[in-house]
Structures are given as structure tokens and as C-alpha cells.
Amino acid sequence: MSNTCASGEIGITDTTLTRAQLRRLLRQRRRQLSPGEQRQASQRLCRQLRGLPEMLSARHVALYLPNDGEIDPVPLLDWLRQRNANAYLPVLRPLADNALWFVRYDARTPMIRNRFGIPEPDSRFGALRARRMPTWALDVILLPLVGFDDQGQRIGMGGGFYDRTLAFTHPQNGPSRPRPRLIGLAHEVQHVESLPVASWDVPLDAIVSDERVIRARR
């Protein structure tokens, strides 16, 4: 499969751009996709995901509701339900510094908008507190990316929510323990040749776009 993006690949000068500059450029790329292109990309993405062994064996899967042009994994919900697997959504933790909870989600889940305007389960309800899943106990977490490269490196929005929440999975934090498989999702137009890596970036197990699967080197 060709590595050239339909909208024109960023060249070998990637390393001269700061992470903030890359974020602006790649967010613009995904926002420029038409609604039809977004739907088609989502369908192709979900076909890729349904073939992954991690997904086929998973019973507890966290995903996200798309925002700001992010590729949409929501069509997976019906597939997960048919397999009697539970879906979870991220919730901004109150009184925590940019960290997340994961709360079981279905069509009856009460929702509110968080401070970024993104819908999330309303964790103020006592019943929803009981629906939180410890992060380490999830089988798979599907997380949105701003950019990715062929080495499986990625950059996110810059808030550090997933990196803080998943810091326990980082190899530098000691021996491995139970943890979810981490799969980053992105449009193919968010691919670049090479990305700068920060020490706090949590390594992923795989990155999936609407065109390919990259097995990252942990």
C-alpha cells in the first residue's frame, strides 16, 4: 500500500516542525475531509478493527465519540453489542489533573457535555459510578490520534489526558502488569514520515487508519 496521502504527504522536513505546528497542520487536514469522506473512512476503519485479534477476543473495549474531525469508531458499537462485549467512554475525572475515567456506555446512558463540549457519560449519577471500569482491567482502549508515522509513533491533542491515565503502561515505569491493549486511530491523511517523540509518550500496541494497520514497537 502506498504511503502517500491523498492530500499530499508531509515531506522529510517533518523533524523541523514543532509538535504544536504538526498538530495544527494535521488537525486542519482531517477537518478538510467532507462528511462523505468521513463516513467512508469510518466504515473502512471499522472493517480493519473487526479483523484484529485483540478486538475479536475483547470483552471490555473503550472507544471515544469523535470531535474536531477525528475518525469515527462509533459504528463498532453494534458489533460489540452483538458479541456481548461492553463498550466504555472516557470521562474527564473531577479533581484530577487532566486524567480520565472509563464508564460503561449504552443507548440508555445519561450524557452531559464536558468542558470541551464533548458528550460523555454523566458520572454524577450514583449508578454510573458503579459502571466505571479500572483502566488496567479494560481489554482494549481505542484512542484518537492527531498524527502517526511508520514506526508507530504518535502525537495527540497535547492535553496529556491519555498519557497521564495510561502512564502505568509505560515501560519506564517498571515491570509489566495487567494492562489494556492500546490502539490509536486516525485518518490516513494524518500520516507523516517521522514524528518527534517525547519521553512521556505512552507507546501503543498498534495504529489503525482507514487504510492500514501498523504494529508499533513497544
N, C-alpha and C. Protein backbone atom coordinates (compact mmCIF):
# COMPACT_ATOMS: atom_id res chain seq x y z
N MET A 1 0.84 -1.20 0.00
CA MET A 1 0.00 0.00 0.00
C MET A 1 0.87 1.24 0.00
N SER A 2 0.50 2.18 -0.77
CA SER A 2 1.30 3.41 -0.87
C SER A 2 1.24 4.19 0.42
N ASN A 3 2.36 4.85 0.78
CA ASN A 3 2.41 5.70 1.95
C ASN A 3 2.04 7.14 1.64
N THR A 4 1.66 7.42 0.42
CA THR A 4 1.37 8.80 0.03
C THR A 4 -0.07 9.14 0.33
N CYS A 5 -0.29 10.21 1.11
CA CYS A 5 -1.64 10.61 1.45
C CYS A 5 -2.30 11.30 0.27
N ALA A 6 -3.63 11.15 0.20
CA ALA A 6 -4.36 11.75 -0.91
C ALA A 6 -4.17 13.25 -0.96
N SER A 7 -4.01 13.88 0.20
CA SER A 7 -3.91 15.34 0.23
C SER A 7 -2.48 15.83 0.13
N GLY A 8 -1.52 14.90 -0.04
CA GLY A 8 -0.13 15.30 -0.13
C GLY A 8 0.60 15.07 1.16
N GLU A 9 1.59 14.19 1.14
CA GLU A 9 2.31 13.81 2.35
C GLU A 9 3.23 14.93 2.80
N ILE A 10 3.34 15.10 4.13
CA ILE A 10 4.36 15.98 4.66
C ILE A 10 5.70 15.33 4.37
N GLY A 11 6.68 16.12 3.93
CA GLY A 11 7.95 15.55 3.49
C GLY A 11 8.92 15.28 4.61
N ILE A 12 10.18 15.08 4.24
CA ILE A 12 11.19 14.69 5.21
C ILE A 12 11.56 15.83 6.15
N THR A 13 10.98 17.01 5.94
CA THR A 13 11.23 18.13 6.84
C THR A 13 10.35 18.07 8.07
N ASP A 14 9.63 16.96 8.28
CA ASP A 14 8.77 16.83 9.47
C ASP A 14 9.51 17.20 10.74
N THR A 15 10.79 16.73 10.85
CA THR A 15 11.52 16.91 12.09
C THR A 15 11.84 18.37 12.38
N THR A 16 11.66 19.26 11.40
CA THR A 16 11.92 20.67 11.63
C THR A 16 10.68 21.37 12.22
N LEU A 17 9.55 20.68 12.24
CA LEU A 17 8.34 21.26 12.78
C LEU A 17 8.20 20.90 14.25
N THR A 18 7.70 21.83 15.04
CA THR A 18 7.42 21.53 16.43
C THR A 18 6.16 20.67 16.52
N ARG A 19 5.95 20.06 17.67
CA ARG A 19 4.75 19.26 17.87
C ARG A 19 3.50 20.12 17.72
N ALA A 20 3.56 21.36 18.20
CA ALA A 20 2.41 22.25 18.08
C ALA A 20 2.10 22.56 16.61
N GLN A 21 3.16 22.78 15.82
CA GLN A 21 2.95 23.05 14.39
C GLN A 21 2.36 21.83 13.68
N LEU A 22 2.87 20.64 14.03
CA LEU A 22 2.32 19.42 13.43
C LEU A 22 0.86 19.24 13.80
N ARG A 23 0.53 19.50 15.05
CA ARG A 23 -0.88 19.37 15.46
C ARG A 23 -1.78 20.27 14.65
N ARG A 24 -1.38 21.52 14.47
CA ARG A 24 -2.22 22.45 13.71
C ARG A 24 -2.40 21.96 12.28
N LEU A 25 -1.32 21.53 11.66
CA LEU A 25 -1.37 21.09 10.27
C LEU A 25 -2.23 19.84 10.10
N LEU A 26 -2.06 18.87 10.99
CA LEU A 26 -2.77 17.60 10.85
C LEU A 26 -4.24 17.73 11.25
N ARG A 27 -4.54 18.57 12.22
CA ARG A 27 -5.95 18.81 12.55
C ARG A 27 -6.66 19.48 11.38
N GLN A 28 -5.95 20.38 10.71
CA GLN A 28 -6.54 21.04 9.53
C GLN A 28 -6.83 20.00 8.45
N ARG A 29 -5.90 19.07 8.25
CA ARG A 29 -6.11 18.03 7.24
C ARG A 29 -7.38 17.23 7.48
N ARG A 30 -7.57 16.79 8.71
CA ARG A 30 -8.73 15.94 8.97
C ARG A 30 -10.03 16.74 8.93
N ARG A 31 -9.96 18.02 9.32
CA ARG A 31 -11.17 18.85 9.24
C ARG A 31 -11.59 19.10 7.80
N GLN A 32 -10.65 19.04 6.86
CA GLN A 32 -10.96 19.31 5.46
C GLN A 32 -11.68 18.15 4.77
N LEU A 33 -11.75 16.99 5.41
CA LEU A 33 -12.48 15.86 4.84
C LEU A 33 -13.97 16.16 4.82
N SER A 34 -14.63 15.86 3.73
CA SER A 34 -16.08 16.09 3.63
C SER A 34 -16.83 15.09 4.51
N PRO A 35 -18.10 15.36 4.82
CA PRO A 35 -18.90 14.38 5.58
C PRO A 35 -18.92 13.01 4.92
N GLY A 36 -19.00 12.98 3.61
CA GLY A 36 -18.98 11.70 2.91
C GLY A 36 -17.66 10.98 3.06
N GLU A 37 -16.56 11.71 2.96
CA GLU A 37 -15.25 11.11 3.15
C GLU A 37 -15.07 10.61 4.58
N GLN A 38 -15.61 11.38 5.53
CA GLN A 38 -15.55 10.93 6.92
C GLN A 38 -16.30 9.61 7.11
N ARG A 39 -17.50 9.51 6.55
CA ARG A 39 -18.29 8.27 6.70
C ARG A 39 -17.58 7.08 6.07
N GLN A 40 -17.05 7.28 4.87
CA GLN A 40 -16.35 6.18 4.20
C GLN A 40 -15.11 5.76 4.98
N ALA A 41 -14.37 6.73 5.51
CA ALA A 41 -13.18 6.41 6.30
C ALA A 41 -13.57 5.64 7.55
N SER A 42 -14.66 6.04 8.19
CA SER A 42 -15.13 5.34 9.38
C SER A 42 -15.48 3.89 9.07
N GLN A 43 -16.16 3.66 7.96
CA GLN A 43 -16.52 2.30 7.58
C GLN A 43 -15.28 1.45 7.33
N ARG A 44 -14.30 2.01 6.64
CA ARG A 44 -13.07 1.26 6.36
C ARG A 44 -12.29 0.99 7.66
N LEU A 45 -12.24 2.00 8.53
CA LEU A 45 -11.58 1.83 9.81
C LEU A 45 -12.19 0.67 10.59
N CYS A 46 -13.53 0.66 10.68
CA CYS A 46 -14.19 -0.36 11.49
C CYS A 46 -14.01 -1.75 10.89
N ARG A 47 -13.92 -1.85 9.58
CA ARG A 47 -13.62 -3.15 8.97
C ARG A 47 -12.23 -3.63 9.39
N GLN A 48 -11.27 -2.71 9.42
CA GLN A 48 -9.92 -3.06 9.87
C GLN A 48 -9.96 -3.55 11.33
N LEU A 49 -10.67 -2.81 12.17
CA LEU A 49 -10.69 -3.14 13.59
C LEU A 49 -11.36 -4.48 13.86
N ARG A 50 -12.42 -4.78 13.12
CA ARG A 50 -13.13 -6.04 13.35
C ARG A 50 -12.29 -7.26 13.01
N GLY A 51 -11.20 -7.08 12.28
CA GLY A 51 -10.33 -8.18 11.94
C GLY A 51 -9.15 -8.36 12.88
N LEU A 52 -8.97 -7.46 13.84
CA LEU A 52 -7.81 -7.55 14.74
C LEU A 52 -8.04 -8.62 15.81
N PRO A 53 -7.04 -9.44 16.08
CA PRO A 53 -7.22 -10.47 17.12
C PRO A 53 -7.54 -9.88 18.49
N GLU A 54 -6.97 -8.72 18.81
CA GLU A 54 -7.27 -8.09 20.10
C GLU A 54 -8.75 -7.76 20.23
N MET A 55 -9.34 -7.30 19.14
CA MET A 55 -10.75 -6.93 19.15
C MET A 55 -11.64 -8.17 19.18
N LEU A 56 -11.25 -9.21 18.49
CA LEU A 56 -12.07 -10.42 18.43
C LEU A 56 -12.15 -11.12 19.78
N SER A 57 -11.14 -10.95 20.61
CA SER A 57 -11.15 -11.60 21.92
C SER A 57 -11.60 -10.68 23.05
N ALA A 58 -11.76 -9.38 22.77
CA ALA A 58 -12.03 -8.39 23.82
C ALA A 58 -13.47 -8.46 24.32
N ARG A 59 -13.64 -8.27 25.60
CA ARG A 59 -14.97 -8.17 26.22
C ARG A 59 -15.22 -6.79 26.83
N HIS A 60 -14.17 -6.02 27.01
CA HIS A 60 -14.30 -4.67 27.59
C HIS A 60 -13.46 -3.73 26.74
N VAL A 61 -14.13 -2.89 25.93
CA VAL A 61 -13.47 -2.05 24.94
C VAL A 61 -13.83 -0.59 25.17
N ALA A 62 -12.83 0.25 25.36
CA ALA A 62 -13.06 1.70 25.45
C ALA A 62 -12.83 2.32 24.08
N LEU A 63 -13.75 3.21 23.71
CA LEU A 63 -13.58 3.99 22.49
C LEU A 63 -13.94 5.44 22.79
N TYR A 64 -14.22 6.23 21.79
CA TYR A 64 -14.47 7.66 22.01
C TYR A 64 -15.52 8.14 21.02
N LEU A 65 -16.16 9.25 21.35
CA LEU A 65 -17.06 9.93 20.43
C LEU A 65 -16.23 10.97 19.67
N PRO A 66 -16.27 10.97 18.33
CA PRO A 66 -15.36 11.81 17.56
C PRO A 66 -15.65 13.30 17.73
N ASN A 67 -14.59 14.07 17.66
CA ASN A 67 -14.66 15.52 17.79
C ASN A 67 -13.56 16.13 16.93
N ASP A 68 -13.82 17.31 16.36
CA ASP A 68 -12.78 18.06 15.66
C ASP A 68 -12.23 17.28 14.46
N GLY A 69 -13.09 16.52 13.78
CA GLY A 69 -12.65 15.79 12.59
C GLY A 69 -12.02 14.45 12.85
N GLU A 70 -12.00 13.98 14.13
CA GLU A 70 -11.42 12.68 14.43
C GLU A 70 -12.15 11.57 13.68
N ILE A 71 -11.43 10.52 13.33
CA ILE A 71 -12.06 9.38 12.67
C ILE A 71 -13.02 8.70 13.65
N ASP A 72 -14.13 8.21 13.14
CA ASP A 72 -15.26 7.81 13.96
C ASP A 72 -15.29 6.29 14.17
N PRO A 73 -15.12 5.81 15.44
CA PRO A 73 -15.22 4.39 15.72
C PRO A 73 -16.61 3.95 16.18
N VAL A 74 -17.58 4.87 16.22
CA VAL A 74 -18.88 4.58 16.81
C VAL A 74 -19.62 3.42 16.11
N PRO A 75 -19.47 3.22 14.78
CA PRO A 75 -20.13 2.06 14.17
C PRO A 75 -19.74 0.72 14.79
N LEU A 76 -18.65 0.68 15.56
CA LEU A 76 -18.27 -0.56 16.24
C LEU A 76 -19.24 -0.94 17.34
N LEU A 77 -20.04 0.01 17.83
CA LEU A 77 -20.89 -0.27 18.99
C LEU A 77 -21.84 -1.43 18.74
N ASP A 78 -22.49 -1.46 17.57
CA ASP A 78 -23.41 -2.56 17.27
C ASP A 78 -22.67 -3.89 17.22
N TRP A 79 -21.49 -3.90 16.62
CA TRP A 79 -20.70 -5.12 16.54
C TRP A 79 -20.31 -5.62 17.92
N LEU A 80 -19.90 -4.70 18.80
CA LEU A 80 -19.54 -5.09 20.16
C LEU A 80 -20.75 -5.65 20.90
N ARG A 81 -21.89 -5.01 20.72
CA ARG A 81 -23.11 -5.47 21.39
C ARG A 81 -23.49 -6.87 20.91
N GLN A 82 -23.37 -7.12 19.62
CA GLN A 82 -23.69 -8.45 19.08
C GLN A 82 -22.78 -9.53 19.65
N ARG A 83 -21.58 -9.14 20.04
CA ARG A 83 -20.63 -10.10 20.61
C ARG A 83 -20.69 -10.13 22.13
N ASN A 84 -21.67 -9.45 22.72
CA ASN A 84 -21.81 -9.38 24.17
C ASN A 84 -20.58 -8.77 24.84
N ALA A 85 -19.96 -7.86 24.13
CA ALA A 85 -18.84 -7.11 24.70
C ALA A 85 -19.35 -5.75 25.19
N ASN A 86 -18.74 -5.25 26.24
CA ASN A 86 -19.12 -3.96 26.81
C ASN A 86 -18.27 -2.84 26.22
N ALA A 87 -18.92 -1.70 25.97
CA ALA A 87 -18.23 -0.51 25.47
C ALA A 87 -18.13 0.52 26.59
N TYR A 88 -17.05 1.28 26.57
CA TYR A 88 -16.79 2.30 27.59
C TYR A 88 -16.38 3.59 26.90
N LEU A 89 -16.73 4.71 27.53
CA LEU A 89 -16.32 6.02 27.03
C LEU A 89 -15.46 6.72 28.07
N PRO A 90 -14.52 7.56 27.63
CA PRO A 90 -13.71 8.33 28.57
C PRO A 90 -14.54 9.46 29.19
N VAL A 91 -14.26 9.71 30.46
CA VAL A 91 -14.89 10.80 31.22
C VAL A 91 -13.78 11.59 31.89
N LEU A 92 -13.83 12.91 31.79
CA LEU A 92 -12.85 13.74 32.48
C LEU A 92 -13.02 13.58 33.99
N ARG A 93 -11.95 13.20 34.65
CA ARG A 93 -12.04 12.98 36.10
C ARG A 93 -12.12 14.32 36.83
N PRO A 94 -13.12 14.49 37.69
CA PRO A 94 -13.15 15.71 38.51
C PRO A 94 -12.01 15.68 39.53
N LEU A 95 -11.51 16.85 39.84
CA LEU A 95 -10.46 17.00 40.85
C LEU A 95 -9.18 16.27 40.48
N ALA A 96 -9.01 15.95 39.20
CA ALA A 96 -7.77 15.31 38.74
C ALA A 96 -7.15 16.18 37.66
N ASP A 97 -5.85 16.13 37.58
CA ASP A 97 -5.12 16.96 36.63
C ASP A 97 -5.08 16.25 35.28
N ASN A 98 -6.05 16.56 34.43
CA ASN A 98 -6.07 16.03 33.06
C ASN A 98 -5.94 14.50 33.02
N ALA A 99 -6.85 13.83 33.70
CA ALA A 99 -6.88 12.37 33.68
C ALA A 99 -8.30 11.90 33.37
N LEU A 100 -8.45 10.61 33.08
CA LEU A 100 -9.71 10.06 32.59
C LEU A 100 -10.19 8.91 33.46
N TRP A 101 -11.52 8.78 33.54
CA TRP A 101 -12.17 7.54 33.93
C TRP A 101 -12.70 6.89 32.67
N PHE A 102 -13.07 5.61 32.75
CA PHE A 102 -13.78 4.93 31.67
C PHE A 102 -15.07 4.35 32.24
N VAL A 103 -16.20 4.73 31.63
CA VAL A 103 -17.52 4.39 32.14
C VAL A 103 -18.28 3.59 31.08
N ARG A 104 -18.91 2.49 31.51
CA ARG A 104 -19.65 1.65 30.57
C ARG A 104 -20.78 2.46 29.93
N TYR A 105 -20.93 2.26 28.62
CA TYR A 105 -21.85 3.08 27.83
C TYR A 105 -22.80 2.21 27.03
N ASP A 106 -24.09 2.63 27.02
CA ASP A 106 -25.06 2.05 26.09
C ASP A 106 -26.06 3.15 25.74
N ALA A 107 -27.08 2.78 24.97
CA ALA A 107 -28.02 3.80 24.47
C ALA A 107 -28.79 4.49 25.59
N ARG A 108 -28.85 3.91 26.78
CA ARG A 108 -29.62 4.50 27.89
C ARG A 108 -28.74 5.31 28.84
N THR A 109 -27.46 5.42 28.56
CA THR A 109 -26.55 6.11 29.46
C THR A 109 -26.82 7.61 29.47
N PRO A 110 -27.09 8.22 30.64
CA PRO A 110 -27.24 9.69 30.69
C PRO A 110 -25.93 10.37 30.28
N MET A 111 -26.06 11.39 29.44
CA MET A 111 -24.88 12.07 28.91
C MET A 111 -24.91 13.55 29.27
N ILE A 112 -23.73 14.13 29.42
CA ILE A 112 -23.57 15.57 29.56
C ILE A 112 -22.41 15.98 28.65
N ARG A 113 -22.21 17.29 28.48
CA ARG A 113 -21.05 17.78 27.73
C ARG A 113 -19.98 18.22 28.72
N ASN A 114 -18.75 17.81 28.46
CA ASN A 114 -17.66 18.20 29.35
C ASN A 114 -17.18 19.61 29.00
N ARG A 115 -16.11 20.03 29.62
CA ARG A 115 -15.67 21.43 29.43
C ARG A 115 -15.15 21.71 28.04
N PHE A 116 -14.92 20.66 27.25
CA PHE A 116 -14.53 20.84 25.86
C PHE A 116 -15.71 20.73 24.91
N GLY A 117 -16.91 20.55 25.47
CA GLY A 117 -18.11 20.42 24.64
C GLY A 117 -18.32 19.03 24.08
N ILE A 118 -17.58 18.03 24.56
CA ILE A 118 -17.69 16.67 24.06
C ILE A 118 -18.64 15.88 24.94
N PRO A 119 -19.62 15.17 24.37
CA PRO A 119 -20.52 14.36 25.21
C PRO A 119 -19.76 13.25 25.93
N GLU A 120 -20.14 13.02 27.20
CA GLU A 120 -19.57 11.93 27.98
C GLU A 120 -20.61 11.45 28.98
N PRO A 121 -20.51 10.22 29.47
CA PRO A 121 -21.44 9.74 30.49
C PRO A 121 -21.42 10.65 31.71
N ASP A 122 -22.59 10.89 32.27
CA ASP A 122 -22.72 11.77 33.42
C ASP A 122 -22.34 11.01 34.68
N SER A 123 -21.11 11.16 35.11
CA SER A 123 -20.60 10.39 36.24
C SER A 123 -21.12 10.88 37.58
N ARG A 124 -21.96 11.93 37.58
CA ARG A 124 -22.55 12.38 38.83
C ARG A 124 -23.60 11.41 39.34
N PHE A 125 -24.17 10.61 38.43
CA PHE A 125 -25.18 9.65 38.83
C PHE A 125 -24.52 8.49 39.57
N GLY A 126 -25.08 8.16 40.76
CA GLY A 126 -24.51 7.09 41.57
C GLY A 126 -24.41 5.79 40.82
N ALA A 127 -25.43 5.48 40.00
CA ALA A 127 -25.41 4.21 39.26
C ALA A 127 -24.24 4.17 38.28
N LEU A 128 -23.86 5.34 37.73
CA LEU A 128 -22.76 5.34 36.78
C LEU A 128 -21.41 5.16 37.47
N ARG A 129 -21.33 5.57 38.72
CA ARG A 129 -20.08 5.33 39.43
C ARG A 129 -19.78 3.84 39.50
N ALA A 130 -20.82 3.06 39.64
CA ALA A 130 -20.64 1.61 39.67
C ALA A 130 -20.29 1.05 38.31
N ARG A 131 -20.47 1.85 37.24
CA ARG A 131 -20.18 1.38 35.89
C ARG A 131 -18.77 1.75 35.43
N ARG A 132 -18.00 2.37 36.29
CA ARG A 132 -16.62 2.67 35.95
C ARG A 132 -15.82 1.36 35.92
N MET A 133 -14.93 1.28 34.97
CA MET A 133 -14.04 0.13 34.86
C MET A 133 -12.62 0.59 35.17
N PRO A 134 -11.91 -0.08 36.08
CA PRO A 134 -10.49 0.28 36.27
C PRO A 134 -9.75 0.20 34.94
N THR A 135 -8.92 1.18 34.67
CA THR A 135 -8.27 1.25 33.38
C THR A 135 -7.47 -0.02 33.08
N TRP A 136 -6.80 -0.56 34.09
CA TRP A 136 -5.97 -1.74 33.87
C TRP A 136 -6.81 -2.96 33.47
N ALA A 137 -8.13 -2.95 33.82
CA ALA A 137 -8.98 -4.11 33.58
C ALA A 137 -9.64 -4.09 32.19
N LEU A 138 -9.52 -3.00 31.46
CA LEU A 138 -10.03 -2.97 30.09
C LEU A 138 -9.19 -3.89 29.21
N ASP A 139 -9.83 -4.48 28.22
CA ASP A 139 -9.09 -5.32 27.28
C ASP A 139 -8.41 -4.49 26.18
N VAL A 140 -9.14 -3.50 25.66
CA VAL A 140 -8.64 -2.66 24.57
C VAL A 140 -9.08 -1.23 24.81
N ILE A 141 -8.20 -0.29 24.56
CA ILE A 141 -8.56 1.13 24.53
C ILE A 141 -8.25 1.65 23.13
N LEU A 142 -9.29 2.16 22.46
CA LEU A 142 -9.14 2.82 21.16
C LEU A 142 -9.05 4.31 21.41
N LEU A 143 -7.94 4.92 21.06
CA LEU A 143 -7.77 6.33 21.37
C LEU A 143 -7.51 7.14 20.11
N PRO A 144 -8.00 8.38 20.07
CA PRO A 144 -7.82 9.20 18.87
C PRO A 144 -6.42 9.77 18.79
N LEU A 145 -5.92 9.90 17.57
CA LEU A 145 -4.60 10.47 17.33
C LEU A 145 -4.72 11.73 16.49
N VAL A 146 -3.72 12.61 16.61
CA VAL A 146 -3.60 13.75 15.71
C VAL A 146 -2.66 13.41 14.56
N GLY A 147 -1.63 12.62 14.85
CA GLY A 147 -0.69 12.22 13.80
C GLY A 147 -0.02 10.92 14.15
N PHE A 148 0.51 10.22 13.12
CA PHE A 148 1.24 8.97 13.34
C PHE A 148 2.26 8.78 12.23
N ASP A 149 3.25 7.91 12.50
CA ASP A 149 4.25 7.61 11.48
C ASP A 149 4.42 6.11 11.32
N ASP A 150 5.33 5.70 10.43
CA ASP A 150 5.51 4.29 10.12
C ASP A 150 6.13 3.50 11.26
N GLN A 151 6.75 4.18 12.21
CA GLN A 151 7.36 3.50 13.35
C GLN A 151 6.36 3.27 14.49
N GLY A 152 5.13 3.71 14.28
CA GLY A 152 4.13 3.57 15.33
C GLY A 152 4.17 4.67 16.37
N GLN A 153 4.92 5.74 16.08
CA GLN A 153 4.91 6.90 16.97
C GLN A 153 3.66 7.72 16.69
N ARG A 154 3.25 8.48 17.69
CA ARG A 154 2.02 9.26 17.53
C ARG A 154 2.10 10.55 18.33
N ILE A 155 1.26 11.50 17.95
CA ILE A 155 1.02 12.67 18.79
C ILE A 155 -0.49 12.82 18.97
N GLY A 156 -0.87 13.30 20.14
CA GLY A 156 -2.27 13.56 20.44
C GLY A 156 -2.55 15.05 20.46
N MET A 157 -3.63 15.42 21.12
CA MET A 157 -4.06 16.82 21.12
C MET A 157 -3.17 17.72 21.97
N GLY A 158 -2.37 17.12 22.85
CA GLY A 158 -1.46 17.93 23.65
C GLY A 158 -1.89 18.13 25.08
N GLY A 159 -3.10 17.69 25.43
CA GLY A 159 -3.57 17.85 26.80
C GLY A 159 -3.00 16.82 27.75
N GLY A 160 -2.51 15.72 27.23
CA GLY A 160 -1.90 14.70 28.07
C GLY A 160 -2.87 13.79 28.80
N PHE A 161 -4.16 13.83 28.44
CA PHE A 161 -5.16 13.04 29.17
C PHE A 161 -4.86 11.55 29.11
N TYR A 162 -4.64 11.04 27.90
CA TYR A 162 -4.37 9.60 27.78
C TYR A 162 -3.00 9.25 28.33
N ASP A 163 -1.99 10.10 28.11
CA ASP A 163 -0.66 9.78 28.62
C ASP A 163 -0.65 9.70 30.14
N ARG A 164 -1.34 10.60 30.81
CA ARG A 164 -1.39 10.54 32.27
C ARG A 164 -2.18 9.32 32.74
N THR A 165 -3.32 9.08 32.11
CA THR A 165 -4.16 7.97 32.53
C THR A 165 -3.48 6.63 32.29
N LEU A 166 -2.71 6.53 31.22
CA LEU A 166 -2.09 5.26 30.83
C LEU A 166 -0.62 5.19 31.19
N ALA A 167 -0.15 6.09 32.03
CA ALA A 167 1.28 6.12 32.36
C ALA A 167 1.74 4.81 32.97
N PHE A 168 0.85 4.09 33.65
CA PHE A 168 1.24 2.83 34.28
C PHE A 168 1.64 1.77 33.25
N THR A 169 1.28 1.97 31.98
CA THR A 169 1.65 1.01 30.94
C THR A 169 3.01 1.30 30.33
N HIS A 170 3.60 2.44 30.67
CA HIS A 170 4.87 2.84 30.04
C HIS A 170 6.00 1.93 30.52
N PRO A 171 6.82 1.42 29.62
CA PRO A 171 7.91 0.53 30.02
C PRO A 171 8.84 1.12 31.07
N GLN A 172 8.99 2.43 31.10
CA GLN A 172 9.91 3.04 32.06
C GLN A 172 9.37 2.99 33.49
N ASN A 173 8.10 2.61 33.64
CA ASN A 173 7.50 2.59 34.97
C ASN A 173 7.54 1.22 35.63
N GLY A 174 8.47 0.40 35.21
CA GLY A 174 8.69 -0.85 35.92
C GLY A 174 8.14 -2.07 35.20
N PRO A 175 8.13 -3.22 35.89
CA PRO A 175 7.68 -4.48 35.29
C PRO A 175 6.25 -4.38 34.79
N SER A 176 5.99 -5.16 33.75
CA SER A 176 4.65 -5.16 33.19
C SER A 176 3.65 -5.74 34.18
N ARG A 177 2.43 -5.28 34.11
CA ARG A 177 1.32 -5.79 34.92
C ARG A 177 0.09 -5.78 34.04
N PRO A 178 -1.03 -6.28 34.52
CA PRO A 178 -2.22 -6.30 33.65
C PRO A 178 -2.50 -4.92 33.07
N ARG A 179 -2.75 -4.89 31.79
CA ARG A 179 -3.00 -3.62 31.13
C ARG A 179 -3.80 -3.87 29.86
N PRO A 180 -4.51 -2.83 29.38
CA PRO A 180 -5.23 -2.97 28.11
C PRO A 180 -4.29 -2.89 26.92
N ARG A 181 -4.73 -3.42 25.80
CA ARG A 181 -4.05 -3.17 24.53
C ARG A 181 -4.44 -1.78 24.06
N LEU A 182 -3.47 -1.02 23.61
CA LEU A 182 -3.67 0.38 23.24
C LEU A 182 -3.58 0.50 21.73
N ILE A 183 -4.67 0.95 21.10
CA ILE A 183 -4.73 1.05 19.65
C ILE A 183 -5.13 2.47 19.28
N GLY A 184 -4.25 3.17 18.58
CA GLY A 184 -4.52 4.53 18.14
C GLY A 184 -5.24 4.53 16.81
N LEU A 185 -6.18 5.46 16.64
CA LEU A 185 -6.99 5.55 15.42
C LEU A 185 -6.79 6.91 14.77
N ALA A 186 -6.73 6.91 13.42
CA ALA A 186 -6.53 8.17 12.70
C ALA A 186 -6.92 7.99 11.24
N HIS A 187 -7.22 9.11 10.60
CA HIS A 187 -7.36 9.12 9.15
C HIS A 187 -5.99 8.93 8.52
N GLU A 188 -5.96 8.31 7.36
CA GLU A 188 -4.68 8.14 6.66
C GLU A 188 -4.03 9.48 6.34
N VAL A 189 -4.82 10.54 6.14
CA VAL A 189 -4.23 11.84 5.85
C VAL A 189 -3.47 12.42 7.04
N GLN A 190 -3.55 11.77 8.19
CA GLN A 190 -2.80 12.22 9.36
C GLN A 190 -1.43 11.54 9.46
N HIS A 191 -1.07 10.77 8.46
CA HIS A 191 0.22 10.09 8.45
C HIS A 191 1.33 11.06 8.04
N VAL A 192 2.47 10.96 8.73
CA VAL A 192 3.68 11.69 8.35
C VAL A 192 4.85 10.71 8.34
N GLU A 193 5.96 11.12 7.76
CA GLU A 193 7.11 10.22 7.64
C GLU A 193 7.76 9.94 8.98
N SER A 194 7.86 10.97 9.83
CA SER A 194 8.54 10.81 11.10
C SER A 194 8.01 11.83 12.09
N LEU A 195 7.89 11.42 13.33
CA LEU A 195 7.37 12.30 14.37
C LEU A 195 8.38 12.45 15.51
N PRO A 196 8.44 13.63 16.11
CA PRO A 196 9.27 13.78 17.32
C PRO A 196 8.61 13.03 18.48
N VAL A 197 9.42 12.40 19.31
CA VAL A 197 8.92 11.59 20.42
C VAL A 197 9.30 12.26 21.73
N ALA A 198 8.35 12.31 22.66
CA ALA A 198 8.62 12.83 24.00
C ALA A 198 8.72 11.66 24.98
N SER A 199 9.46 11.84 26.05
CA SER A 199 9.71 10.75 26.99
C SER A 199 8.42 10.27 27.66
N TRP A 200 7.43 11.15 27.77
CA TRP A 200 6.18 10.78 28.43
C TRP A 200 5.16 10.12 27.50
N ASP A 201 5.44 10.07 26.20
CA ASP A 201 4.50 9.45 25.26
C ASP A 201 4.35 7.96 25.57
N VAL A 202 3.14 7.54 25.85
CA VAL A 202 2.88 6.13 26.14
C VAL A 202 2.91 5.35 24.83
N PRO A 203 3.74 4.32 24.71
CA PRO A 203 3.78 3.54 23.47
C PRO A 203 2.46 2.81 23.23
N LEU A 204 2.10 2.68 21.97
CA LEU A 204 0.90 1.96 21.57
C LEU A 204 1.27 0.56 21.09
N ASP A 205 0.26 -0.32 21.07
CA ASP A 205 0.44 -1.65 20.50
C ASP A 205 0.21 -1.64 19.00
N ALA A 206 -0.66 -0.77 18.54
CA ALA A 206 -0.96 -0.70 17.10
C ALA A 206 -1.57 0.65 16.79
N ILE A 207 -1.48 1.02 15.52
CA ILE A 207 -2.18 2.19 14.99
C ILE A 207 -2.97 1.73 13.78
N VAL A 208 -4.24 2.13 13.74
CA VAL A 208 -5.13 1.73 12.65
C VAL A 208 -5.68 2.98 11.99
N SER A 209 -5.54 3.05 10.67
CA SER A 209 -6.17 4.11 9.89
C SER A 209 -7.23 3.48 9.00
N ASP A 210 -7.82 4.28 8.14
CA ASP A 210 -8.79 3.74 7.20
C ASP A 210 -8.12 2.94 6.09
N GLU A 211 -6.77 2.90 6.06
CA GLU A 211 -6.07 2.18 5.00
C GLU A 211 -5.13 1.09 5.49
N ARG A 212 -4.70 1.14 6.75
CA ARG A 212 -3.65 0.21 7.16
C ARG A 212 -3.65 -0.03 8.67
N VAL A 213 -2.90 -1.08 9.03
CA VAL A 213 -2.62 -1.38 10.44
C VAL A 213 -1.10 -1.37 10.61
N ILE A 214 -0.63 -0.59 11.57
CA ILE A 214 0.79 -0.54 11.89
C ILE A 214 0.96 -1.16 13.28
N ARG A 215 1.77 -2.18 13.36
CA ARG A 215 2.11 -2.77 14.65
C ARG A 215 3.28 -1.99 15.23
N ALA A 216 3.01 -1.28 16.31
CA ALA A 216 4.02 -0.39 16.88
C ALA A 216 5.04 -1.19 17.64
N ARG A 217 6.24 -0.64 17.74
CA ARG A 217 7.32 -1.25 18.51
C ARG A 217 7.28 -0.71 19.93
N ARG A 218 6.90 -1.56 20.86
CA ARG A 218 6.85 -1.12 22.26
C ARG A 218 8.22 -1.26 22.89
